[in-house]
């Protein structure tokens, strides 16, 4: 069988067009950075207080939680492709409400509705890509999810400082239009079609995804998909099965713990208020330009992180990026403490704030940001993975909502340096959690990971000792 005949470019095309929905989601995150300072100015047509601004940032994150639940229903009822297309509706409606907004409450509704779309995208997008991609390129195509989200943030942040309030959402809607016009022609997941007993349509779509593949290749692929579908349908689990075994409980602890470290390191707040944060530096470099530079660096770092994950390993990357994130946040918090608590003139040292915030976003892009999502797909067995992903996404969305809301509340009452202190302490405590609870999954099959999670320390030590004895005996022989 000559597998080199099969062309994979249709899978790349399907993944790129599908993840344009992630770019749209990212643009909603990036929108707040240039827009919030503008809306808080006295000249704004929709004047916002600090409390209003915090709700506008956090309602978007709050909407993600019910969006995840809606996605769980839609993806089984309508399929992966249709569900992803539907996610574009609330994402587009959110922009329309922003354009016509006449008071903060319309903006609240806009952000919550947009969050619903994002919640759907983050459940359906990875599922679609995982099911249409060959195993050899699944990791690369899966990496488009974070890269496209980062691109969307960069897009909104780069355009925002140079266009009017009304023109920015119109510009961002171009991503939604590109998504609809391109993805509507892409094939549905053959996996889903087989679940619905549509074998002819599944084979037709498989041929579209694997151009020039031989009949033998296609039949072999279809057999593999059918086996997976049969296994998943006969081995369905309930929500409470997430806590039935030691391995599942540990996987829940690790995935929830990593989300807690990531979100309480301040990622949602810092990405939403980036321009406002950097404005305090009072440097010759404007906050708007600094944000654009930061976003470009973050995009490049995300590409670099993809290359490092399978070379360095998950745990070392998590430890290093969490540690250096804590250091960067400590420096940023120290700047604010000197400026606002000790009332020192920090004009000459504004570059320190720029450098520390940019360093934080650069560092987490290498590990702390993507790895909790990468490991989410590795830690759980197939029969509970769907429930685990939805639950972890809801948990992450709620933590992000809390962080984004409390950033403004704590900052106004206790000082911004207190908030950054909270973010930094979370990172330092997170290092302890990673050392003692997070397993290394690099180079291990899903079966090996499950065996490791379900073994007690005594069992693991006994297995290790037995393996060493076998090696020793074979060496003597």
Protein backbone atom coordinates (compact mmCIF):
# COMPACT_ATOMS: atom_id res chain seq x y z
CA UNK A 1 0.00 0.00 0.00
CA UNK A 2 1.52 3.35 -1.09
CA UNK A 3 0.33 5.85 1.47
CA UNK A 4 2.32 8.69 -0.09
CA UNK A 5 -0.35 9.05 -2.78
CA UNK A 6 -2.86 10.43 -0.29
CA UNK A 7 -2.85 14.24 -0.13
CA UNK A 8 -3.51 15.92 3.21
CA UNK A 9 -3.94 19.51 2.07
CA UNK A 10 -7.77 19.22 2.27
CA UNK A 11 -7.39 18.47 6.00
CA UNK A 12 -5.22 21.56 6.45
CA UNK A 13 -7.79 23.62 4.54
CA UNK A 14 -10.66 22.28 6.64
CA UNK A 15 -8.75 22.97 9.88
CA UNK A 16 -7.80 26.53 8.84
CA UNK A 17 -11.33 27.45 7.80
CA UNK A 18 -12.81 25.82 10.93
CA UNK A 19 -10.44 27.71 13.22
CA UNK A 20 -11.42 31.04 11.69
CA UNK A 21 -14.20 30.71 14.27
CA UNK A 22 -11.43 30.76 16.91
CA UNK A 23 -10.00 33.89 15.28
CA UNK A 24 -13.42 35.49 15.64
CA UNK A 25 -13.47 34.46 19.31
CA UNK A 26 -10.02 35.97 19.78
CA UNK A 27 -11.10 39.26 18.23
CA UNK A 28 -13.83 39.55 20.88
CA UNK A 29 -11.13 39.17 23.56
CA UNK A 30 -8.83 41.67 21.86
CA UNK A 31 -11.65 44.22 21.35
CA UNK A 32 -11.67 45.27 25.00
CA UNK A 33 -8.00 46.31 25.07
CA UNK A 34 -8.29 49.38 22.80
CA UNK A 35 -12.00 50.00 23.46
CA UNK A 36 -12.35 50.02 27.26
CA UNK A 37 -10.07 53.09 27.76
CA UNK A 38 -12.01 54.87 25.00
CA UNK A 39 -15.38 54.12 26.59
CA UNK A 40 -14.17 55.23 30.04
CA UNK A 41 -13.24 58.68 28.72
CA UNK A 42 -15.73 61.55 29.34
CA UNK A 43 -16.18 62.03 25.56
CA UNK A 44 -17.55 58.51 25.08
CA UNK A 45 -21.10 58.14 23.71
CA UNK A 46 -21.54 55.23 26.18
CA UNK A 47 -19.67 56.42 29.26
CA UNK A 48 -18.45 53.58 31.48
CA UNK A 49 -17.42 53.54 35.12
CA UNK A 50 -14.71 51.11 36.25
CA UNK A 51 -17.45 48.77 37.50
CA UNK A 52 -19.24 48.92 34.13
CA UNK A 53 -15.97 48.12 32.37
CA UNK A 54 -15.34 45.09 34.60
CA UNK A 55 -18.80 43.71 33.79
CA UNK A 56 -18.26 44.21 30.05
CA UNK A 57 -15.02 42.23 30.25
CA UNK A 58 -16.39 39.48 32.48
CA UNK A 59 -19.86 38.95 30.93
CA UNK A 60 -18.10 37.57 27.85
CA UNK A 61 -16.40 34.95 30.02
CA UNK A 62 -19.60 34.18 31.92
CA UNK A 63 -21.39 33.44 28.64
CA UNK A 64 -18.85 30.72 27.82
CA UNK A 65 -20.20 28.39 30.54
CA UNK A 66 -23.75 27.95 29.13
CA UNK A 67 -22.17 27.96 25.66
CA UNK A 68 -20.33 24.77 26.58
CA UNK A 69 -23.57 23.12 27.67
CA UNK A 70 -25.34 24.19 24.47
CA UNK A 71 -22.45 22.77 22.44
CA UNK A 72 -22.78 19.35 24.10
CA UNK A 73 -26.39 19.20 22.85
CA UNK A 74 -25.83 20.70 19.38
CA UNK A 75 -22.81 18.59 18.48
CA UNK A 76 -24.73 15.33 18.87
CA UNK A 77 -27.97 16.62 17.34
CA UNK A 78 -26.76 18.63 14.33
CA UNK A 79 -23.18 17.47 13.90
CA UNK A 80 -19.76 19.10 14.14
CA UNK A 81 -19.92 21.26 11.00
CA UNK A 82 -23.41 22.65 11.55
CA UNK A 83 -22.70 23.36 15.23
CA UNK A 84 -19.56 25.29 14.32
CA UNK A 85 -21.46 27.32 11.73
CA UNK A 86 -24.18 28.07 14.31
CA UNK A 87 -21.52 29.40 16.70
CA UNK A 88 -20.92 32.20 14.21
CA UNK A 89 -24.45 33.55 14.78
CA UNK A 90 -23.98 34.76 18.40
CA UNK A 91 -20.44 35.89 17.57
CA UNK A 92 -21.82 38.09 14.77
CA UNK A 93 -24.81 39.27 16.82
CA UNK A 94 -22.40 40.39 19.52
CA UNK A 95 -20.68 42.76 17.07
CA UNK A 96 -24.01 44.15 15.85
CA UNK A 97 -25.09 44.96 19.42
CA UNK A 98 -21.75 46.69 20.05
CA UNK A 99 -22.29 48.90 16.99
CA UNK A 100 -25.81 49.98 18.03
CA UNK A 101 -25.16 50.11 21.81
CA UNK A 102 -26.62 53.19 23.51
CA UNK A 103 -25.98 52.23 27.15
CA UNK A 104 -23.81 49.78 29.14
CA UNK A 105 -26.61 47.22 29.41
CA UNK A 106 -26.65 46.66 25.65
CA UNK A 107 -22.90 46.05 25.84
CA UNK A 108 -23.47 43.58 28.69
CA UNK A 109 -25.93 41.66 26.49
CA UNK A 110 -23.53 41.81 23.55
CA UNK A 111 -20.67 40.35 25.52
CA UNK A 112 -22.75 37.57 27.09
CA UNK A 113 -24.17 36.54 23.69
CA UNK A 114 -20.66 36.55 22.20
CA UNK A 115 -19.54 34.35 25.09
CA UNK A 116 -22.20 31.79 24.17
CA UNK A 117 -20.65 31.53 20.71
CA UNK A 118 -17.16 31.18 22.14
CA UNK A 119 -18.31 28.40 24.47
CA UNK A 120 -19.65 26.47 21.46
CA UNK A 121 -16.49 27.06 19.42
CA UNK A 122 -14.12 25.80 22.11
CA UNK A 123 -16.01 22.51 22.44
CA UNK A 124 -16.85 21.82 18.78
CA UNK A 125 -13.69 23.17 17.12
CA UNK A 126 -11.21 20.74 18.74
CA UNK A 127 -13.66 17.88 18.27
CA UNK A 128 -14.04 18.59 14.53
CA UNK A 129 -10.29 18.88 13.95
CA UNK A 130 -9.56 15.74 15.97
CA UNK A 131 -11.98 13.74 13.83
CA UNK A 132 -10.97 14.96 10.33
CA UNK A 133 -7.18 14.88 10.84
CA UNK A 134 -4.81 11.96 10.25
CA UNK A 135 -2.97 10.97 13.43
CA UNK A 136 0.38 12.09 11.95
CA UNK A 137 -0.78 15.72 11.62
CA UNK A 138 -3.42 15.90 14.36
CA UNK A 139 -1.08 17.74 16.72
CA UNK A 140 -0.17 20.35 14.12
CA UNK A 141 -3.77 20.96 13.09
CA UNK A 142 -4.83 21.07 16.74
CA UNK A 143 -2.28 23.81 17.35
CA UNK A 144 -4.21 26.04 14.93
CA UNK A 145 -6.82 26.47 17.68
CA UNK A 146 -4.60 28.56 19.94
CA UNK A 147 -2.75 30.24 17.05
CA UNK A 148 -5.97 31.42 15.42
CA UNK A 149 -7.31 32.71 18.74
CA UNK A 150 -4.08 34.66 19.24
CA UNK A 151 -4.30 35.97 15.67
CA UNK A 152 -7.85 37.22 16.37
CA UNK A 153 -6.63 39.07 19.46
CA UNK A 154 -3.78 40.63 17.45
CA UNK A 155 -6.20 41.63 14.68
CA UNK A 156 -8.51 43.56 17.03
CA UNK A 157 -5.66 45.09 19.02
CA UNK A 158 -3.78 46.18 15.89
CA UNK A 159 -6.79 47.84 14.22
CA UNK A 160 -8.45 49.26 17.35
CA UNK A 161 -6.14 52.21 18.09
CA UNK A 162 -6.41 53.54 14.52
CA UNK A 163 -10.14 53.32 13.74
CA UNK A 164 -13.34 54.68 15.27
CA UNK A 165 -15.44 52.83 17.85
CA UNK A 166 -18.01 51.85 15.19
CA UNK A 167 -15.49 50.78 12.55
CA UNK A 168 -13.66 48.26 14.78
CA UNK A 169 -16.59 45.81 15.13
CA UNK A 170 -17.31 46.14 11.40
CA UNK A 171 -13.67 45.21 10.74
CA UNK A 172 -13.86 42.25 13.13
CA UNK A 173 -17.03 41.00 11.45
CA UNK A 174 -14.96 40.41 8.31
CA UNK A 175 -13.47 37.38 10.09
CA UNK A 176 -16.98 36.00 10.69
CA UNK A 177 -17.88 36.54 7.04
CA UNK A 178 -14.68 34.79 5.91
CA UNK A 179 -15.50 31.90 8.25
CA UNK A 180 -19.05 31.46 6.91
CA UNK A 181 -18.05 31.76 3.23
CA UNK A 182 -15.15 29.30 3.51
CA UNK A 183 -16.19 26.71 6.10
CA UNK A 184 -19.66 26.13 4.65
CA UNK A 185 -17.99 24.19 1.80
CA UNK A 186 -15.97 21.93 4.10
CA UNK A 187 -16.97 18.28 4.76
CA UNK A 188 -18.71 17.04 7.87
CA UNK A 189 -16.76 14.70 10.12
CA UNK A 190 -16.91 11.11 8.78
CA UNK A 191 -16.89 9.98 12.42
CA UNK A 192 -20.17 11.81 13.10
CA UNK A 193 -21.76 10.55 9.87
CA UNK A 194 -20.99 6.96 10.82
CA UNK A 195 -22.56 7.58 14.22
CA UNK A 196 -25.73 8.48 12.31
CA UNK A 197 -25.41 5.39 10.03
CA UNK A 198 -24.68 7.52 6.94
CA UNK A 199 -21.95 5.27 5.53
CA UNK A 200 -22.06 6.44 1.90
CA UNK A 201 -21.82 10.08 2.91
CA UNK A 202 -19.04 9.27 5.37
CA UNK A 203 -17.00 7.58 2.62
CA UNK A 204 -17.65 10.51 0.27
CA UNK A 205 -16.34 12.98 2.86
CA UNK A 206 -13.37 10.77 3.67
CA UNK A 207 -12.40 10.84 -0.01
CA UNK A 208 -12.58 14.64 0.06
CA UNK A 209 -10.28 14.76 3.08
CA UNK A 210 -7.76 12.24 1.69
CA UNK A 211 -7.34 13.14 -1.98
CA UNK A 212 -5.75 10.48 -4.22
CA UNK A 213 -5.93 7.85 -1.48
CA UNK A 214 -6.28 4.29 -2.74
CA UNK A 215 -9.44 2.26 -2.19
CA UNK A 216 -7.53 0.05 0.24
CA UNK A 217 -6.46 3.05 2.28
CA UNK A 218 -9.98 4.43 2.40
CA UNK A 219 -11.46 1.07 3.42
CA UNK A 220 -8.83 0.66 6.14
CA UNK A 221 -9.54 4.17 7.44
CA UNK A 222 -13.29 3.55 7.42
CA UNK A 223 -12.82 0.31 9.37
CA UNK A 224 -10.77 2.15 11.99
CA UNK A 225 -13.41 4.87 12.32
CA UNK A 226 -16.19 2.25 12.59
CA UNK A 227 -14.32 0.43 15.36
CA UNK A 228 -13.90 3.71 17.25
CA UNK A 229 -17.57 4.60 16.80
CA UNK A 230 -18.71 1.16 17.99
CA UNK A 231 -16.39 1.34 20.99
CA UNK A 232 -17.58 4.83 21.94
CA UNK A 233 -21.26 3.98 21.54
CA UNK A 234 -21.01 0.75 23.55
CA UNK A 235 -18.71 2.20 26.24
CA UNK A 236 -20.66 5.36 27.00
CA UNK A 237 -20.12 6.69 30.48
CA UNK A 238 -22.13 8.90 32.82
CA UNK A 239 -21.01 12.14 34.39
CA UNK A 240 -20.39 10.49 37.77
CA UNK A 241 -17.94 8.03 36.14
CA UNK A 242 -15.48 10.94 36.17
CA UNK A 243 -15.02 10.24 39.88
CA UNK A 244 -15.34 6.43 39.97
CA UNK A 245 -11.68 5.51 39.51
CA UNK A 246 -8.45 6.77 41.05
CA UNK A 247 -7.12 7.71 37.61
CA UNK A 248 -10.17 9.79 36.72
CA UNK A 249 -10.16 11.57 40.07
CA UNK A 250 -6.49 12.42 39.69
CA UNK A 251 -7.08 13.60 36.11
CA UNK A 252 -9.89 15.90 37.33
CA UNK A 253 -7.62 17.25 40.07
CA UNK A 254 -4.76 17.92 37.61
CA UNK A 255 -6.92 19.50 34.88
CA UNK A 256 -8.84 21.67 37.35
CA UNK A 257 -5.64 22.62 39.17
CA UNK A 258 -3.87 23.68 35.97
CA UNK A 259 -6.88 25.78 34.96
CA UNK A 260 -6.86 27.43 38.39
CA UNK A 261 -3.15 28.31 38.04
CA UNK A 262 -3.62 29.62 34.49
CA UNK A 263 -6.70 31.73 35.18
CA UNK A 264 -5.58 33.05 38.57
CA UNK A 265 -2.26 34.06 37.02
CA UNK A 266 -4.41 36.79 35.51
CA UNK A 267 -4.47 35.88 31.83
CA UNK A 268 -8.09 36.95 31.22
CA UNK A 269 -7.70 40.27 33.04
CA UNK A 270 -4.31 41.14 31.54
CA UNK A 271 -5.42 40.30 27.99
CA UNK A 272 -8.64 42.31 28.40
CA UNK A 273 -7.04 45.37 30.03
CA UNK A 274 -3.65 45.25 28.29
CA UNK A 275 -3.73 48.76 26.86
CA UNK A 276 -5.02 50.26 30.12
CA UNK A 277 -2.30 48.43 32.07
CA UNK A 278 0.52 49.56 29.77
CA UNK A 279 -0.77 53.13 29.71
CA UNK A 280 0.50 53.50 33.30
CA UNK A 281 4.08 53.19 32.05
CA UNK A 282 4.12 56.80 30.74
CA UNK A 283 6.76 56.02 28.10
CA UNK A 284 7.33 57.47 24.65
CA UNK A 285 6.05 54.22 23.20
CA UNK A 286 2.26 54.47 23.18
CA UNK A 287 0.24 51.77 24.92
CA UNK A 288 -1.57 50.94 21.66
CA UNK A 289 1.68 50.24 19.79
CA UNK A 290 3.06 48.29 22.77
CA UNK A 291 -0.05 46.07 22.70
CA UNK A 292 0.45 45.36 19.00
CA UNK A 293 4.10 44.44 19.59
CA UNK A 294 3.04 42.21 22.48
CA UNK A 295 0.44 40.41 20.35
CA UNK A 296 2.91 39.76 17.53
CA UNK A 297 5.46 38.35 19.99
CA UNK A 298 2.74 36.22 21.60
CA UNK A 299 1.80 34.78 18.19
CA UNK A 300 5.43 33.90 17.45
CA UNK A 301 5.87 32.42 20.93
CA UNK A 302 2.80 30.24 20.40
CA UNK A 303 4.43 28.78 17.29
CA UNK A 304 7.62 28.16 19.26
CA UNK A 305 5.66 26.46 22.03
CA UNK A 306 4.33 23.91 19.55
CA UNK A 307 7.88 22.82 18.72
CA UNK A 308 8.93 22.58 22.39
CA UNK A 309 6.02 20.57 23.81
CA UNK A 310 7.17 17.21 22.41
CA UNK A 311 10.88 17.94 22.85
CA UNK A 312 11.12 19.33 26.38
CA UNK A 313 8.06 17.64 27.87
CA UNK A 314 4.87 18.91 29.52
CA UNK A 315 6.01 19.05 33.16
CA UNK A 316 9.34 20.88 32.65
CA UNK A 317 7.63 23.44 30.41
CA UNK A 318 4.86 23.96 32.96
CA UNK A 319 7.36 24.41 35.79
CA UNK A 320 9.60 26.84 33.90
CA UNK A 321 6.82 28.98 32.43
CA UNK A 322 4.91 29.11 35.73
CA UNK A 323 8.05 30.18 37.61
CA UNK A 324 9.05 32.90 35.14
CA UNK A 325 5.43 34.07 34.87
CA UNK A 326 5.47 34.59 38.63
CA UNK A 327 8.71 36.58 38.38
CA UNK A 328 7.30 38.79 35.59
CA UNK A 329 4.11 39.45 37.55
CA UNK A 330 6.12 40.24 40.69
CA UNK A 331 8.11 42.87 38.76
CA UNK A 332 4.92 44.41 37.31
CA UNK A 333 3.32 44.45 40.78
CA UNK A 334 6.47 46.05 42.21
CA UNK A 335 6.28 48.83 39.61
CA UNK A 336 2.69 49.60 40.58
CA UNK A 337 3.58 49.46 44.29
CA UNK A 338 6.40 52.00 43.89
CA UNK A 339 4.28 54.29 41.73
CA UNK A 340 0.93 54.27 43.54
CA UNK A 341 1.72 53.24 47.14
CA UNK A 342 5.11 54.87 47.68
CA UNK A 343 4.24 57.64 45.17
CA UNK A 344 7.64 57.53 43.49
CA UNK A 345 8.22 59.10 40.07
CA UNK A 346 8.52 56.07 37.78
CA UNK A 347 8.52 57.93 34.45
CA UNK A 348 12.08 56.86 33.64
CA UNK A 349 11.28 53.23 34.44
CA UNK A 350 8.07 52.79 32.45
CA UNK A 351 9.88 50.34 30.21
CA UNK A 352 10.01 47.95 33.18
CA UNK A 353 6.21 47.65 33.19
CA UNK A 354 6.14 47.17 29.41
CA UNK A 355 8.87 44.53 29.57
CA UNK A 356 7.32 42.59 32.47
CA UNK A 357 3.81 42.44 30.98
CA UNK A 358 5.15 41.50 27.54
CA UNK A 359 7.41 38.89 29.18
CA UNK A 360 4.43 37.39 31.04
CA UNK A 361 2.34 36.94 27.89
CA UNK A 362 5.37 35.66 25.99
CA UNK A 363 6.27 33.13 28.68
CA UNK A 364 2.79 31.66 29.17
CA UNK A 365 2.44 31.21 25.40
CA UNK A 366 5.30 28.68 25.60
CA UNK A 367 3.65 26.46 28.20
CA UNK A 368 1.27 27.60 30.91
CA UNK A 369 -1.38 28.80 28.46
CA UNK A 370 -1.66 25.92 25.93
CA UNK A 371 -0.59 22.93 28.05
CA UNK A 372 -3.68 22.69 30.32
CA UNK A 373 -5.72 22.21 27.13
CA UNK A 374 -3.21 19.82 25.53
CA UNK A 375 -3.12 17.63 28.66
CA UNK A 376 -6.91 17.69 28.92
CA UNK A 377 -6.99 15.49 25.83
CA UNK A 378 -4.37 13.12 27.27
CA UNK A 379 -5.43 12.55 30.88
CA UNK A 380 -8.94 11.14 30.43
CA UNK A 381 -10.11 7.85 28.86
CA UNK A 382 -12.25 8.11 25.72
CA UNK A 383 -15.55 7.22 27.39
CA UNK A 384 -15.47 10.24 29.77
CA UNK A 385 -13.43 12.67 27.66
CA UNK A 386 -16.46 14.59 26.38
CA UNK A 387 -17.83 15.20 29.88
CA UNK A 388 -14.34 16.04 31.15
CA UNK A 389 -13.67 18.63 28.41
CA UNK A 390 -17.03 20.32 28.93
CA UNK A 391 -16.62 20.38 32.72
CA UNK A 392 -13.05 21.72 32.52
CA UNK A 393 -14.08 24.42 30.02
CA UNK A 394 -16.93 25.54 32.27
CA UNK A 395 -14.57 25.60 35.28
CA UNK A 396 -12.02 27.62 33.31
CA UNK A 397 -14.67 30.08 32.09
CA UNK A 398 -15.98 30.66 35.62
CA UNK A 399 -12.45 31.23 36.95
CA UNK A 400 -11.72 33.64 34.09
CA UNK A 401 -14.97 35.49 34.87
CA UNK A 402 -14.02 35.80 38.55
CA UNK A 403 -10.50 37.01 37.68
CA UNK A 404 -11.65 39.58 35.12
CA UNK A 405 -14.34 40.96 37.46
CA UNK A 406 -12.19 41.09 40.59
CA UNK A 407 -9.28 42.73 38.75
CA UNK A 408 -11.13 46.04 38.59
CA UNK A 409 -12.83 45.67 41.99
CA UNK A 410 -9.64 44.83 43.91
CA UNK A 411 -7.59 47.28 41.87
CA UNK A 412 -9.93 50.18 42.70
CA UNK A 413 -10.19 49.33 46.40
CA UNK A 414 -6.76 47.90 47.33
CA UNK A 415 -4.53 48.98 44.47
CA UNK A 416 -3.47 47.32 41.22
CA UNK A 417 -0.29 46.09 42.91
CA UNK A 418 -2.48 43.91 45.17
CA UNK A 419 -4.01 42.25 42.11
CA UNK A 420 -0.62 41.54 40.58
CA UNK A 421 0.53 40.20 43.94
CA UNK A 422 -2.40 37.75 43.86
CA UNK A 423 -1.44 36.69 40.31
CA UNK A 424 2.23 36.18 41.26
CA UNK A 425 1.49 34.20 44.45
CA UNK A 426 -0.78 31.89 42.43
CA UNK A 427 2.13 31.08 40.12
CA UNK A 428 4.50 30.33 43.01
CA UNK A 429 1.94 28.06 44.69
CA UNK A 430 1.23 26.51 41.30
CA UNK A 431 4.83 25.31 41.08
CA UNK A 432 4.27 23.20 44.21
CA UNK A 433 1.08 21.75 42.71
CA UNK A 434 2.82 20.87 39.42
CA UNK A 435 5.76 19.20 41.19
CA UNK A 436 3.59 16.90 43.33
CA UNK A 437 0.48 16.24 41.24
CA UNK A 438 1.05 16.75 37.49
CA UNK A 439 2.32 13.64 35.65
CA UNK A 440 4.63 13.75 32.64
CA UNK A 441 2.76 12.56 29.54
CA UNK A 442 5.49 13.11 26.93
CA UNK A 443 6.20 10.02 24.83
CA UNK A 444 3.50 7.93 26.53
CA UNK A 445 0.53 6.29 24.89
CA UNK A 446 -2.93 7.05 26.23
CA UNK A 447 -3.00 3.54 27.70
CA UNK A 448 0.30 4.09 29.54
CA UNK A 449 -0.97 7.39 30.93
CA UNK A 450 -4.11 5.70 32.23
CA UNK A 451 -2.09 2.92 33.85
CA UNK A 452 0.15 5.47 35.55
CA UNK A 453 -2.79 7.53 36.83
CA UNK A 454 -4.54 4.46 38.22
CA UNK A 455 -1.45 3.09 39.99
CA UNK A 456 -0.78 3.89 43.63
CA UNK A 457 2.76 4.90 44.60
CA UNK A 458 3.42 1.40 45.98
CA UNK A 459 2.20 -0.25 42.79
CA UNK A 460 4.27 2.13 40.64
CA UNK A 461 7.38 1.45 42.74
CA UNK A 462 6.79 -2.31 42.50
CA UNK A 463 6.42 -2.12 38.72
CA UNK A 464 9.58 -0.04 38.44
CA UNK A 465 11.51 -2.51 40.61
CA UNK A 466 10.24 -5.46 38.58
CA UNK A 467 11.22 -3.78 35.34
CA UNK A 468 14.71 -3.07 36.67
CA UNK A 469 15.08 -6.70 37.74
CA UNK A 470 14.01 -7.89 34.26
CA UNK A 471 16.58 -5.60 32.66
CA UNK A 472 19.25 -6.83 35.06
CA UNK A 473 18.45 -10.52 34.38
CA UNK A 474 18.40 -9.97 30.61
CA UNK A 475 21.78 -8.18 30.83
CA UNK A 476 23.35 -11.11 32.73
CA UNK A 477 21.86 -13.56 30.25
